[in-house]
Amino acid sequence: MEQREIMQRSVGILTEALEMRRRLRADPDADVRRSGAVAQLLEEMLPRIQLPADASAREVADIVTEKLGPAIVQIASALTFAFVQLAEIHDEGRTDLSSADVLRSISLHYEKGGEG
């Protein structure tokens, strides 16, 4: 999966979480259900790992780290980038942009093939 798609999907997850939080604030009894976007992203990005039957605990840890590490770093980087963008707008005291505006801008940037 390309970094562009990972970024857009991560922004989608954050946007969904933001909307769920807003709905719950407006109505604490609202029926808010997750779409499963996080699980789907993980399912698509994390490779299947086959471990040797005789692998030691250390060998298992090394194999899992080697196989899962790159995907976890990509996902964490995308979420971190979006968080930093939101935090900067907040810290600047900008009132002309909402969180949804910032997330939309990030998504559009990556839709056009932009890089972080």
PDB file of N, CA and C in Angstrom:
ATOM      1  N   MET A   1       0.856  -1.168   0.000  1.00  0.00           N
ATOM      2  CA  MET A   1       0.000   0.000   0.000  1.00  0.00           C
ATOM      3  C   MET A   1       0.905   1.235   0.000  1.00  0.00           C
ATOM      4  N   GLU A   2       0.596   2.194  -0.845  1.00  0.00           N
ATOM      5  CA  GLU A   2       1.397   3.407  -0.951  1.00  0.00           C
ATOM      6  C   GLU A   2       1.158   4.324   0.246  1.00  0.00           C
ATOM      7  N   GLN A   3       2.178   5.125   0.558  1.00  0.00           N
ATOM      8  CA  GLN A   3       2.077   6.057   1.678  1.00  0.00           C
ATOM      9  C   GLN A   3       0.905   7.007   1.493  1.00  0.00           C
ATOM     10  N   ARG A   4       0.643   7.404   0.247  1.00  0.00           N
ATOM     11  CA  ARG A   4      -0.477   8.302  -0.045  1.00  0.00           C
ATOM     12  C   ARG A   4      -1.792   7.689   0.431  1.00  0.00           C
ATOM     13  N   GLU A   5      -2.007   6.419   0.120  1.00  0.00           N
ATOM     14  CA  GLU A   5      -3.243   5.755   0.517  1.00  0.00           C
ATOM     15  C   GLU A   5      -3.302   5.547   2.028  1.00  0.00           C
ATOM     16  N   ILE A   6      -2.179   5.225   2.622  1.00  0.00           N
ATOM     17  CA  ILE A   6      -2.132   5.063   4.081  1.00  0.00           C
ATOM     18  C   ILE A   6      -2.500   6.382   4.757  1.00  0.00           C
ATOM     19  N   MET A   7      -1.971   7.475   4.220  1.00  0.00           N
ATOM     20  CA  MET A   7      -2.273   8.795   4.796  1.00  0.00           C
ATOM     21  C   MET A   7      -3.749   9.107   4.656  1.00  0.00           C
ATOM     22  N   GLN A   8      -4.305   8.891   3.487  1.00  0.00           N
ATOM     23  CA  GLN A   8      -5.726   9.186   3.279  1.00  0.00           C
ATOM     24  C   GLN A   8      -6.601   8.309   4.163  1.00  0.00           C
ATOM     25  N   ARG A   9      -6.264   7.058   4.298  1.00  0.00           N
ATOM     26  CA  ARG A   9      -7.071   6.177   5.144  1.00  0.00           C
ATOM     27  C   ARG A   9      -6.946   6.566   6.612  1.00  0.00           C
ATOM     28  N   SER A  10      -5.750   6.970   7.026  1.00  0.00           N
ATOM     29  CA  SER A  10      -5.554   7.414   8.409  1.00  0.00           C
ATOM     30  C   SER A  10      -6.368   8.670   8.690  1.00  0.00           C
ATOM     31  N   VAL A  11      -6.379   9.595   7.750  1.00  0.00           N
ATOM     32  CA  VAL A  11      -7.190  10.810   7.897  1.00  0.00           C
ATOM     33  C   VAL A  11      -8.667  10.429   7.962  1.00  0.00           C
ATOM     34  N   GLY A  12      -9.084   9.460   7.166  1.00  0.00           N
ATOM     35  CA  GLY A  12     -10.468   8.995   7.219  1.00  0.00           C
ATOM     36  C   GLY A  12     -10.827   8.434   8.588  1.00  0.00           C
ATOM     37  N   ILE A  13      -9.913   7.692   9.175  1.00  0.00           N
ATOM     38  CA  ILE A  13     -10.139   7.128  10.507  1.00  0.00           C
ATOM     39  C   ILE A  13     -10.272   8.250  11.536  1.00  0.00           C
ATOM     40  N   LEU A  14      -9.388   9.242  11.455  1.00  0.00           N
ATOM     41  CA  LEU A  14      -9.466  10.376  12.381  1.00  0.00           C
ATOM     42  C   LEU A  14     -10.742  11.183  12.178  1.00  0.00           C
ATOM     43  N   THR A  15     -11.131  11.366  10.924  1.00  0.00           N
ATOM     44  CA  THR A  15     -12.363  12.102  10.623  1.00  0.00           C
ATOM     45  C   THR A  15     -13.567  11.367  11.185  1.00  0.00           C
ATOM     46  N   GLU A  16     -13.592  10.056  11.022  1.00  0.00           N
ATOM     47  CA  GLU A  16     -14.683   9.254  11.565  1.00  0.00           C
ATOM     48  C   GLU A  16     -14.732   9.368  13.091  1.00  0.00           C
ATOM     49  N   ALA A  17     -13.576   9.304  13.737  1.00  0.00           N
ATOM     50  CA  ALA A  17     -13.524   9.412  15.199  1.00  0.00           C
ATOM     51  C   ALA A  17     -13.997  10.784  15.659  1.00  0.00           C
ATOM     52  N   LEU A  18     -13.611  11.817  14.929  1.00  0.00           N
ATOM     53  CA  LEU A  18     -14.035  13.180  15.256  1.00  0.00           C
ATOM     54  C   LEU A  18     -15.558  13.304  15.157  1.00  0.00           C
ATOM     55  N   GLU A  19     -16.110  12.775  14.099  1.00  0.00           N
ATOM     56  CA  GLU A  19     -17.564  12.839  13.911  1.00  0.00           C
ATOM     57  C   GLU A  19     -18.297  12.030  14.986  1.00  0.00           C
ATOM     58  N   MET A  20     -17.763  10.864  15.331  1.00  0.00           N
ATOM     59  CA  MET A  20     -18.389  10.049  16.381  1.00  0.00           C
ATOM     60  C   MET A  20     -18.392  10.813  17.702  1.00  0.00           C
ATOM     61  N   ARG A  21     -17.275  11.471  18.008  1.00  0.00           N
ATOM     62  CA  ARG A  21     -17.173  12.227  19.260  1.00  0.00           C
ATOM     63  C   ARG A  21     -18.169  13.384  19.273  1.00  0.00           C
ATOM     64  N   ARG A  22     -18.299  14.064  18.160  1.00  0.00           N
ATOM     65  CA  ARG A  22     -19.259  15.179  18.074  1.00  0.00           C
ATOM     66  C   ARG A  22     -20.687  14.686  18.261  1.00  0.00           C
ATOM     67  N   ARG A  23     -21.003  13.561  17.634  1.00  0.00           N
ATOM     68  CA  ARG A  23     -22.360  13.020  17.776  1.00  0.00           C
ATOM     69  C   ARG A  23     -22.639  12.620  19.213  1.00  0.00           C
ATOM     70  N   LEU A  24     -21.665  12.024  19.883  1.00  0.00           N
ATOM     71  CA  LEU A  24     -21.853  11.610  21.275  1.00  0.00           C
ATOM     72  C   LEU A  24     -21.948  12.813  22.213  1.00  0.00           C
ATOM     73  N   ARG A  25     -21.233  13.872  21.898  1.00  0.00           N
ATOM     74  CA  ARG A  25     -21.354  15.087  22.715  1.00  0.00           C
ATOM     75  C   ARG A  25     -22.746  15.674  22.586  1.00  0.00           C
ATOM     76  N   ALA A  26     -23.264  15.661  21.364  1.00  0.00           N
ATOM     77  CA  ALA A  26     -24.597  16.205  21.117  1.00  0.00           C
ATOM     78  C   ALA A  26     -25.677  15.323  21.731  1.00  0.00           C
ATOM     79  N   ASP A  27     -25.447  14.022  21.708  1.00  0.00           N
ATOM     80  CA  ASP A  27     -26.431  13.074  22.228  1.00  0.00           C
ATOM     81  C   ASP A  27     -25.698  11.868  22.816  1.00  0.00           C
ATOM     82  N   PRO A  28     -25.459  11.882  24.142  1.00  0.00           N
ATOM     83  CA  PRO A  28     -24.716  10.796  24.787  1.00  0.00           C
ATOM     84  C   PRO A  28     -25.315   9.408  24.564  1.00  0.00           C
ATOM     85  N   ASP A  29     -26.592   9.348  24.208  1.00  0.00           N
ATOM     86  CA  ASP A  29     -27.242   8.059  23.972  1.00  0.00           C
ATOM     87  C   ASP A  29     -27.281   7.679  22.492  1.00  0.00           C
ATOM     88  N   ALA A  30     -26.610   8.447  21.657  1.00  0.00           N
ATOM     89  CA  ALA A  30     -26.639   8.186  20.214  1.00  0.00           C
ATOM     90  C   ALA A  30     -26.061   6.805  19.914  1.00  0.00           C
ATOM     91  N   ASP A  31     -26.612   6.182  18.898  1.00  0.00           N
ATOM     92  CA  ASP A  31     -26.127   4.878  18.453  1.00  0.00           C
ATOM     93  C   ASP A  31     -24.978   5.118  17.469  1.00  0.00           C
ATOM     94  N   VAL A  32     -23.776   5.149  18.003  1.00  0.00           N
ATOM     95  CA  VAL A  32     -22.590   5.425  17.185  1.00  0.00           C
ATOM     96  C   VAL A  32     -21.809   4.131  17.033  1.00  0.00           C
ATOM     97  N   ARG A  33     -21.652   3.706  15.804  1.00  0.00           N
ATOM     98  CA  ARG A  33     -20.937   2.457  15.534  1.00  0.00           C
ATOM     99  C   ARG A  33     -19.715   2.736  14.684  1.00  0.00           C
ATOM    100  N   ARG A  34     -18.662   2.052  15.017  1.00  0.00           N
ATOM    101  CA  ARG A  34     -17.434   2.182  14.230  1.00  0.00           C
ATOM    102  C   ARG A  34     -17.598   1.446  12.913  1.00  0.00           C
ATOM    103  N   SER A  35     -16.929   1.964  11.910  1.00  0.00           N
ATOM    104  CA  SER A  35     -17.034   1.365  10.577  1.00  0.00           C
ATOM    105  C   SER A  35     -16.126   0.155  10.411  1.00  0.00           C
ATOM    106  N   GLY A  36     -15.187  -0.010  11.291  1.00  0.00           N
ATOM    107  CA  GLY A  36     -14.217  -1.090  11.136  1.00  0.00           C
ATOM    108  C   GLY A  36     -13.027  -0.676  10.280  1.00  0.00           C
ATOM    109  N   ALA A  37     -12.878   0.629  10.038  1.00  0.00           N
ATOM    110  CA  ALA A  37     -11.808   1.124   9.174  1.00  0.00           C
ATOM    111  C   ALA A  37     -10.423   0.808   9.728  1.00  0.00           C
ATOM    112  N   VAL A  38     -10.261   0.878  11.037  1.00  0.00           N
ATOM    113  CA  VAL A  38      -8.963   0.573  11.641  1.00  0.00           C
ATOM    114  C   VAL A  38      -8.627  -0.894  11.425  1.00  0.00           C
ATOM    115  N   ALA A  39      -9.574  -1.764  11.733  1.00  0.00           N
ATOM    116  CA  ALA A  39      -9.336  -3.197  11.554  1.00  0.00           C
ATOM    117  C   ALA A  39      -9.055  -3.527  10.091  1.00  0.00           C
ATOM    118  N   GLN A  40      -9.774  -2.887   9.199  1.00  0.00           N
ATOM    119  CA  GLN A  40      -9.574  -3.140   7.771  1.00  0.00           C
ATOM    120  C   GLN A  40      -8.187  -2.685   7.326  1.00  0.00           C
ATOM    121  N   LEU A  41      -7.750  -1.517   7.782  1.00  0.00           N
ATOM    122  CA  LEU A  41      -6.419  -1.027   7.432  1.00  0.00           C
ATOM    123  C   LEU A  41      -5.343  -1.986   7.943  1.00  0.00           C
ATOM    124  N   LEU A  42      -5.485  -2.420   9.181  1.00  0.00           N
ATOM    125  CA  LEU A  42      -4.516  -3.360   9.737  1.00  0.00           C
ATOM    126  C   LEU A  42      -4.525  -4.684   8.981  1.00  0.00           C
ATOM    127  N   GLU A  43      -5.704  -5.168   8.661  1.00  0.00           N
ATOM    128  CA  GLU A  43      -5.836  -6.426   7.918  1.00  0.00           C
ATOM    129  C   GLU A  43      -5.128  -6.336   6.571  1.00  0.00           C
ATOM    130  N   GLU A  44      -5.259  -5.204   5.905  1.00  0.00           N
ATOM    131  CA  GLU A  44      -4.662  -5.036   4.588  1.00  0.00           C
ATOM    132  C   GLU A  44      -3.152  -4.790   4.647  1.00  0.00           C
ATOM    133  N   MET A  45      -2.694  -4.160   5.711  1.00  0.00           N
ATOM    134  CA  MET A  45      -1.284  -3.781   5.769  1.00  0.00           C
ATOM    135  C   MET A  45      -0.373  -4.785   6.468  1.00  0.00           C
ATOM    136  N   LEU A  46      -0.904  -5.441   7.477  1.00  0.00           N
ATOM    137  CA  LEU A  46      -0.035  -6.333   8.246  1.00  0.00           C
ATOM    138  C   LEU A  46       0.093  -7.681   7.541  1.00  0.00           C
ATOM    139  N   PRO A  47       1.322  -8.096   7.315  1.00  0.00           N
ATOM    140  CA  PRO A  47       1.530  -9.362   6.608  1.00  0.00           C
ATOM    141  C   PRO A  47       1.219 -10.562   7.498  1.00  0.00           C
ATOM    142  N   ARG A  48       0.913 -11.653   6.852  1.00  0.00           N
ATOM    143  CA  ARG A  48       0.755 -12.916   7.568  1.00  0.00           C
ATOM    144  C   ARG A  48       2.149 -13.413   7.936  1.00  0.00           C
ATOM    145  N   ILE A  49       2.269 -13.925   9.102  1.00  0.00           N
ATOM    146  CA  ILE A  49       3.580 -14.375   9.570  1.00  0.00           C
ATOM    147  C   ILE A  49       3.522 -15.865   9.848  1.00  0.00           C
ATOM    148  N   GLN A  50       4.472 -16.573   9.296  1.00  0.00           N
ATOM    149  CA  GLN A  50       4.601 -17.994   9.588  1.00  0.00           C
ATOM    150  C   GLN A  50       5.843 -18.170  10.448  1.00  0.00           C
ATOM    151  N   LEU A  51       5.649 -18.827  11.554  1.00  0.00           N
ATOM    152  CA  LEU A  51       6.747 -19.032  12.488  1.00  0.00           C
ATOM    153  C   LEU A  51       7.168 -20.494  12.479  1.00  0.00           C
ATOM    154  N   PRO A  52       8.460 -20.742  12.514  1.00  0.00           N
ATOM    155  CA  PRO A  52       8.927 -22.125  12.615  1.00  0.00           C
ATOM    156  C   PRO A  52       8.448 -22.735  13.931  1.00  0.00           C
ATOM    157  N   ALA A  53       8.052 -23.971  13.878  1.00  0.00           N
ATOM    158  CA  ALA A  53       7.532 -24.650  15.071  1.00  0.00           C
ATOM    159  C   ALA A  53       8.561 -24.688  16.195  1.00  0.00           C
ATOM    160  N   ASP A  54       9.811 -24.726  15.834  1.00  0.00           N
ATOM    161  CA  ASP A  54      10.854 -24.842  16.854  1.00  0.00           C
ATOM    162  C   ASP A  54      11.495 -23.496  17.206  1.00  0.00           C
ATOM    163  N   ALA A  55      10.868 -22.397  16.819  1.00  0.00           N
ATOM    164  CA  ALA A  55      11.433 -21.074  17.082  1.00  0.00           C
ATOM    165  C   ALA A  55      11.413 -20.756  18.568  1.00  0.00           C
ATOM    166  N   SER A  56      12.506 -20.175  19.022  1.00  0.00           N
ATOM    167  CA  SER A  56      12.576 -19.748  20.425  1.00  0.00           C
ATOM    168  C   SER A  56      11.776 -18.448  20.574  1.00  0.00           C
ATOM    169  N   ALA A  57      11.535 -18.067  21.809  1.00  0.00           N
ATOM    170  CA  ALA A  57      10.804 -16.819  22.066  1.00  0.00           C
ATOM    171  C   ALA A  57      11.542 -15.637  21.442  1.00  0.00           C
ATOM    172  N   ARG A  58      12.837 -15.619  21.527  1.00  0.00           N
ATOM    173  CA  ARG A  58      13.641 -14.525  20.954  1.00  0.00           C
ATOM    174  C   ARG A  58      13.506 -14.510  19.435  1.00  0.00           C
ATOM    175  N   GLU A  59      13.553 -15.688  18.813  1.00  0.00           N
ATOM    176  CA  GLU A  59      13.417 -15.783  17.362  1.00  0.00           C
ATOM    177  C   GLU A  59      12.026 -15.310  16.922  1.00  0.00           C
ATOM    178  N   VAL A  60      10.997 -15.683  17.675  1.00  0.00           N
ATOM    179  CA  VAL A  60       9.636 -15.242  17.367  1.00  0.00           C
ATOM    180  C   VAL A  60       9.555 -13.714  17.438  1.00  0.00           C
ATOM    181  N   ALA A  61      10.109 -13.139  18.485  1.00  0.00           N
ATOM    182  CA  ALA A  61      10.103 -11.685  18.639  1.00  0.00           C
ATOM    183  C   ALA A  61      10.826 -11.016  17.480  1.00  0.00           C
ATOM    184  N   ASP A  62      11.953 -11.540  17.084  1.00  0.00           N
ATOM    185  CA  ASP A  62      12.713 -10.964  15.971  1.00  0.00           C
ATOM    186  C   ASP A  62      11.945 -11.052  14.658  1.00  0.00           C
ATOM    187  N   ILE A  63      11.324 -12.190  14.392  1.00  0.00           N
ATOM    188  CA  ILE A  63      10.554 -12.379  13.158  1.00  0.00           C
ATOM    189  C   ILE A  63       9.360 -11.433  13.121  1.00  0.00           C
ATOM    190  N   VAL A  64       8.628 -11.366  14.226  1.00  0.00           N
ATOM    191  CA  VAL A  64       7.444 -10.502  14.291  1.00  0.00           C
ATOM    192  C   VAL A  64       7.846  -9.037  14.113  1.00  0.00           C
ATOM    193  N   THR A  65       8.905  -8.623  14.769  1.00  0.00           N
ATOM    194  CA  THR A  65       9.380  -7.245  14.641  1.00  0.00           C
ATOM    195  C   THR A  65       9.779  -6.940  13.208  1.00  0.00           C
ATOM    196  N   GLU A  66      10.499  -7.842  12.595  1.00  0.00           N
ATOM    197  CA  GLU A  66      10.959  -7.642  11.217  1.00  0.00           C
ATOM    198  C   GLU A  66       9.792  -7.561  10.238  1.00  0.00           C
ATOM    199  N   LYS A  67       8.796  -8.406  10.419  1.00  0.00           N
ATOM    200  CA  LYS A  67       7.674  -8.464   9.478  1.00  0.00           C
ATOM    201  C   LYS A  67       6.649  -7.347   9.708  1.00  0.00           C
ATOM    202  N   LEU A  68       6.345  -7.043  10.962  1.00  0.00           N
ATOM    203  CA  LEU A  68       5.303  -6.062  11.271  1.00  0.00           C
ATOM    204  C   LEU A  68       5.826  -4.636  11.388  1.00  0.00           C
ATOM    205  N   GLY A  69       7.084  -4.497  11.735  1.00  0.00           N
ATOM    206  CA  GLY A  69       7.660  -3.187  11.990  1.00  0.00           C
ATOM    207  C   GLY A  69       7.416  -2.155  10.904  1.00  0.00           C
ATOM    208  N   PRO A  70       7.750  -2.447   9.655  1.00  0.00           N
ATOM    209  CA  PRO A  70       7.573  -1.431   8.610  1.00  0.00           C
ATOM    210  C   PRO A  70       6.124  -0.937   8.464  1.00  0.00           C
ATOM    211  N   ALA A  71       5.156  -1.825   8.516  1.00  0.00           N
ATOM    212  CA  ALA A  71       3.748  -1.419   8.380  1.00  0.00           C
ATOM    213  C   ALA A  71       3.314  -0.584   9.581  1.00  0.00           C
ATOM    214  N   ILE A  72       3.725  -0.974  10.759  1.00  0.00           N
ATOM    215  CA  ILE A  72       3.361  -0.225  11.961  1.00  0.00           C
ATOM    216  C   ILE A  72       3.968   1.172  11.916  1.00  0.00           C
ATOM    217  N   VAL A  73       5.206   1.280  11.442  1.00  0.00           N
ATOM    218  CA  VAL A  73       5.853   2.584  11.319  1.00  0.00           C
ATOM    219  C   VAL A  73       5.104   3.453  10.318  1.00  0.00           C
ATOM    220  N   GLN A  74       4.671   2.899   9.195  1.00  0.00           N
ATOM    221  CA  GLN A  74       3.926   3.673   8.197  1.00  0.00           C
ATOM    222  C   GLN A  74       2.612   4.200   8.763  1.00  0.00           C
ATOM    223  N   ILE A  75       1.881   3.343   9.450  1.00  0.00           N
ATOM    224  CA  ILE A  75       0.601   3.761  10.034  1.00  0.00           C
ATOM    225  C   ILE A  75       0.827   4.817  11.112  1.00  0.00           C
ATOM    226  N   ALA A  76       1.785   4.567  12.002  1.00  0.00           N
ATOM    227  CA  ALA A  76       2.066   5.528  13.070  1.00  0.00           C
ATOM    228  C   ALA A  76       2.528   6.858  12.498  1.00  0.00           C
ATOM    229  N   SER A  77       3.321   6.823  11.441  1.00  0.00           N
ATOM    230  CA  SER A  77       3.794   8.063  10.812  1.00  0.00           C
ATOM    231  C   SER A  77       2.635   8.863  10.231  1.00  0.00           C
ATOM    232  N   ALA A  78       1.708   8.182   9.586  1.00  0.00           N
ATOM    233  CA  ALA A  78       0.556   8.872   9.005  1.00  0.00           C
ATOM    234  C   ALA A  78      -0.296   9.517  10.098  1.00  0.00           C
ATOM    235  N   LEU A  79      -0.568   8.788  11.157  1.00  0.00           N
ATOM    236  CA  LEU A  79      -1.371   9.338  12.251  1.00  0.00           C
ATOM    237  C   LEU A  79      -0.639  10.472  12.958  1.00  0.00           C
ATOM    238  N   THR A  80       0.663  10.328  13.128  1.00  0.00           N
ATOM    239  CA  THR A  80       1.464  11.362  13.767  1.00  0.00           C
ATOM    240  C   THR A  80       1.470  12.638  12.936  1.00  0.00           C
ATOM    241  N   PHE A  81       1.621  12.489  11.620  1.00  0.00           N
ATOM    242  CA  PHE A  81       1.609  13.649  10.728  1.00  0.00           C
ATOM    243  C   PHE A  81       0.292  14.409  10.866  1.00  0.00           C
ATOM    244  N   ALA A  82      -0.811  13.686  10.826  1.00  0.00           N
ATOM    245  CA  ALA A  82      -2.124  14.332  10.945  1.00  0.00           C
ATOM    246  C   ALA A  82      -2.274  15.009  12.307  1.00  0.00           C
ATOM    247  N   PHE A  83      -1.825  14.342  13.365  1.00  0.00           N
ATOM    248  CA  PHE A  83      -1.903  14.926  14.695  1.00  0.00           C
ATOM    249  C   PHE A  83      -1.109  16.234  14.763  1.00  0.00           C
ATOM    250  N   VAL A  84       0.105  16.221  14.222  1.00  0.00           N
ATOM    251  CA  VAL A  84       0.953  17.417  14.261  1.00  0.00           C
ATOM    252  C   VAL A  84       0.295  18.561  13.492  1.00  0.00           C
ATOM    253  N   GLN A  85      -0.305  18.261  12.357  1.00  0.00           N
ATOM    254  CA  GLN A  85      -0.998  19.303  11.596  1.00  0.00           C
ATOM    255  C   GLN A  85      -2.132  19.906  12.426  1.00  0.00           C
ATOM    256  N   LEU A  86      -2.906  19.049  13.066  1.00  0.00           N
ATOM    257  CA  LEU A  86      -4.002  19.535  13.913  1.00  0.00           C
ATOM    258  C   LEU A  86      -3.470  20.329  15.100  1.00  0.00           C
ATOM    259  N   ALA A  87      -2.412  19.835  15.725  1.00  0.00           N
ATOM    260  CA  ALA A  87      -1.843  20.513  16.892  1.00  0.00           C
ATOM    261  C   ALA A  87      -1.294  21.891  16.521  1.00  0.00           C
ATOM    262  N   GLU A  88      -0.642  21.990  15.371  1.00  0.00           N
ATOM    263  CA  GLU A  88      -0.097  23.287  14.963  1.00  0.00           C
ATOM    264  C   GLU A  88      -1.196  24.321  14.763  1.00  0.00           C
ATOM    265  N   ILE A  89      -2.277  23.915  14.109  1.00  0.00           N
ATOM    266  CA  ILE A  89      -3.403  24.834  13.906  1.00  0.00           C
ATOM    267  C   ILE A  89      -3.978  25.258  15.254  1.00  0.00           C
ATOM    268  N   HIS A  90      -4.119  24.297  16.152  1.00  0.00           N
ATOM    269  CA  HIS A  90      -4.642  24.595  17.486  1.00  0.00           C
ATOM    270  C   HIS A  90      -3.714  25.553  18.227  1.00  0.00           C
ATOM    271  N   ASP A  91      -2.415  25.247  18.216  1.00  0.00           N
ATOM    272  CA  ASP A  91      -1.458  26.052  18.967  1.00  0.00           C
ATOM    273  C   ASP A  91      -1.313  27.463  18.409  1.00  0.00           C
ATOM    274  N   GLU A  92      -1.575  27.624  17.120  1.00  0.00           N
ATOM    275  CA  GLU A  92      -1.526  28.956  16.514  1.00  0.00           C
ATOM    276  C   GLU A  92      -2.763  29.777  16.857  1.00  0.00           C
ATOM    277  N   GLY A  93      -3.753  29.127  17.484  1.00  0.00           N
ATOM    278  CA  GLY A  93      -4.979  29.826  17.859  1.00  0.00           C
ATOM    279  C   GLY A  93      -5.876  30.135  16.676  1.00  0.00           C
ATOM    280  N   ARG A  94      -5.701  29.390  15.610  1.00  0.00           N
ATOM    281  CA  ARG A  94      -6.498  29.642  14.404  1.00  0.00           C
ATOM    282  C   ARG A  94      -7.948  29.260  14.657  1.00  0.00           C
ATOM    283  N   THR A  95      -8.829  30.177  14.401  1.00  0.00           N
ATOM    284  CA  THR A  95     -10.258  29.907  14.552  1.00  0.00           C
ATOM    285  C   THR A  95     -10.959  29.842  13.199  1.00  0.00           C
ATOM    286  N   ASP A  96     -10.201  30.116  12.142  1.00  0.00           N
ATOM    287  CA  ASP A  96     -10.780  30.091  10.803  1.00  0.00           C
ATOM    288  C   ASP A  96     -10.811  28.686  10.212  1.00  0.00           C
ATOM    289  N   LEU A  97     -10.162  27.732  10.883  1.00  0.00           N
ATOM    290  CA  LEU A  97     -10.136  26.348  10.423  1.00  0.00           C
ATOM    291  C   LEU A  97     -10.617  25.415  11.520  1.00  0.00           C
ATOM    292  N   SER A  98     -11.510  24.522  11.166  1.00  0.00           N
ATOM    293  CA  SER A  98     -11.937  23.492  12.121  1.00  0.00           C
ATOM    294  C   SER A  98     -11.023  22.273  11.961  1.00  0.00           C
ATOM    295  N   SER A  99     -11.123  21.356  12.890  1.00  0.00           N
ATOM    296  CA  SER A  99     -10.372  20.106  12.781  1.00  0.00           C
ATOM    297  C   SER A  99     -10.735  19.377  11.495  1.00  0.00           C
ATOM    298  N   ALA A 100     -12.021  19.376  11.171  1.00  0.00           N
ATOM    299  CA  ALA A 100     -12.473  18.718   9.936  1.00  0.00           C
ATOM    300  C   ALA A 100     -11.859  19.390   8.710  1.00  0.00           C
ATOM    301  N   ASP A 101     -11.721  20.732   8.739  1.00  0.00           N
ATOM    302  CA  ASP A 101     -11.089  21.449   7.626  1.00  0.00           C
ATOM    303  C   ASP A 101      -9.632  21.007   7.452  1.00  0.00           C
ATOM    304  N   VAL A 102      -8.920  20.888   8.553  1.00  0.00           N
ATOM    305  CA  VAL A 102      -7.511  20.488   8.501  1.00  0.00           C
ATOM    306  C   VAL A 102      -7.392  19.072   7.950  1.00  0.00           C
ATOM    307  N   LEU A 103      -8.219  18.169   8.446  1.00  0.00           N
ATOM    308  CA  LEU A 103      -8.177  16.790   7.960  1.00  0.00           C
ATOM    309  C   LEU A 103      -8.533  16.724   6.474  1.00  0.00           C
ATOM    310  N   ARG A 104      -9.515  17.496   6.069  1.00  0.00           N
ATOM    311  CA  ARG A 104      -9.906  17.535   4.657  1.00  0.00           C
ATOM    312  C   ARG A 104      -8.746  18.037   3.798  1.00  0.00           C
ATOM    313  N   SER A 105      -8.068  19.053   4.273  1.00  0.00           N
ATOM    314  CA  SER A 105      -6.926  19.613   3.547  1.00  0.00           C
ATOM    315  C   SER A 105      -5.806  18.583   3.394  1.00  0.00           C
ATOM    316  N   ILE A 106      -5.527  17.849   4.449  1.00  0.00           N
ATOM    317  CA  ILE A 106      -4.501  16.802   4.383  1.00  0.00           C
ATOM    318  C   ILE A 106      -4.898  15.748   3.356  1.00  0.00           C
ATOM    319  N   SER A 107      -6.143  15.318   3.423  1.00  0.00           N
ATOM    320  CA  SER A 107      -6.617  14.292   2.494  1.00  0.00           C
ATOM    321  C   SER A 107      -6.513  14.768   1.045  1.00  0.00           C
ATOM    322  N   LEU A 108      -6.924  16.009   0.788  1.00  0.00           N
ATOM    323  CA  LEU A 108      -6.844  16.553  -0.571  1.00  0.00           C
ATOM    324  C   LEU A 108      -5.400  16.661  -1.043  1.00  0.00           C
ATOM    325  N   HIS A 109      -4.521  17.047  -0.140  1.00  0.00           N
ATOM    326  CA  HIS A 109      -3.097  17.143  -0.480  1.00  0.00           C
ATOM    327  C   HIS A 109      -2.572  15.790  -0.966  1.00  0.00           C
ATOM    328  N   TYR A 110      -2.919  14.740  -0.245  1.00  0.00           N
ATOM    329  CA  TYR A 110      -2.440  13.396  -0.612  1.00  0.00           C
ATOM    330  C   TYR A 110      -3.192  12.835  -1.813  1.00  0.00           C
ATOM    331  N   GLU A 111      -4.428  13.252  -2.001  1.00  0.00           N
ATOM    332  CA  GLU A 111      -5.189  12.814  -3.176  1.00  0.00           C
ATOM    333  C   GLU A 111      -4.510  13.316  -4.454  1.00  0.00           C
ATOM    334  N   LYS A 112      -3.907  14.495  -4.349  1.00  0.00           N
ATOM    335  CA  LYS A 112      -3.230  15.090  -5.509  1.00  0.00           C
ATOM    336  C   LYS A 112      -1.792  14.572  -5.659  1.00  0.00           C
ATOM    337  N   GLY A 113      -1.429  13.600  -4.828  1.00  0.00           N
ATOM    338  CA  GLY A 113      -0.099  13.004  -4.946  1.00  0.00           C
ATOM    339  C   GLY A 113       0.965  13.687  -4.121  1.00  0.00           C
ATOM    340  N   GLY A 114       0.553  14.515  -3.159  1.00  0.00           N
ATOM    341  CA  GLY A 114       1.509  15.229  -2.330  1.00  0.00           C
ATOM    342  C   GLY A 114       2.240  14.318  -1.359  1.00  0.00           C
ATOM    343  N   GLU A 115       3.324  14.802  -0.884  1.00  0.00           N
ATOM    344  CA  GLU A 115       4.124  14.101   0.122  1.00  0.00           C
ATOM    345  C   GLU A 115       4.082  14.906   1.401  1.00  0.00           C
ATOM    346  N   GLY A 116       4.425  14.225   2.534  1.00  0.00           N
ATOM    347  CA  GLY A 116       4.450  14.879   3.838  1.00  0.00           C
ATOM    348  C   GLY A 116       5.419  15.955   3.876  1.00  0.00           C
TER     349      GLY A 116
END
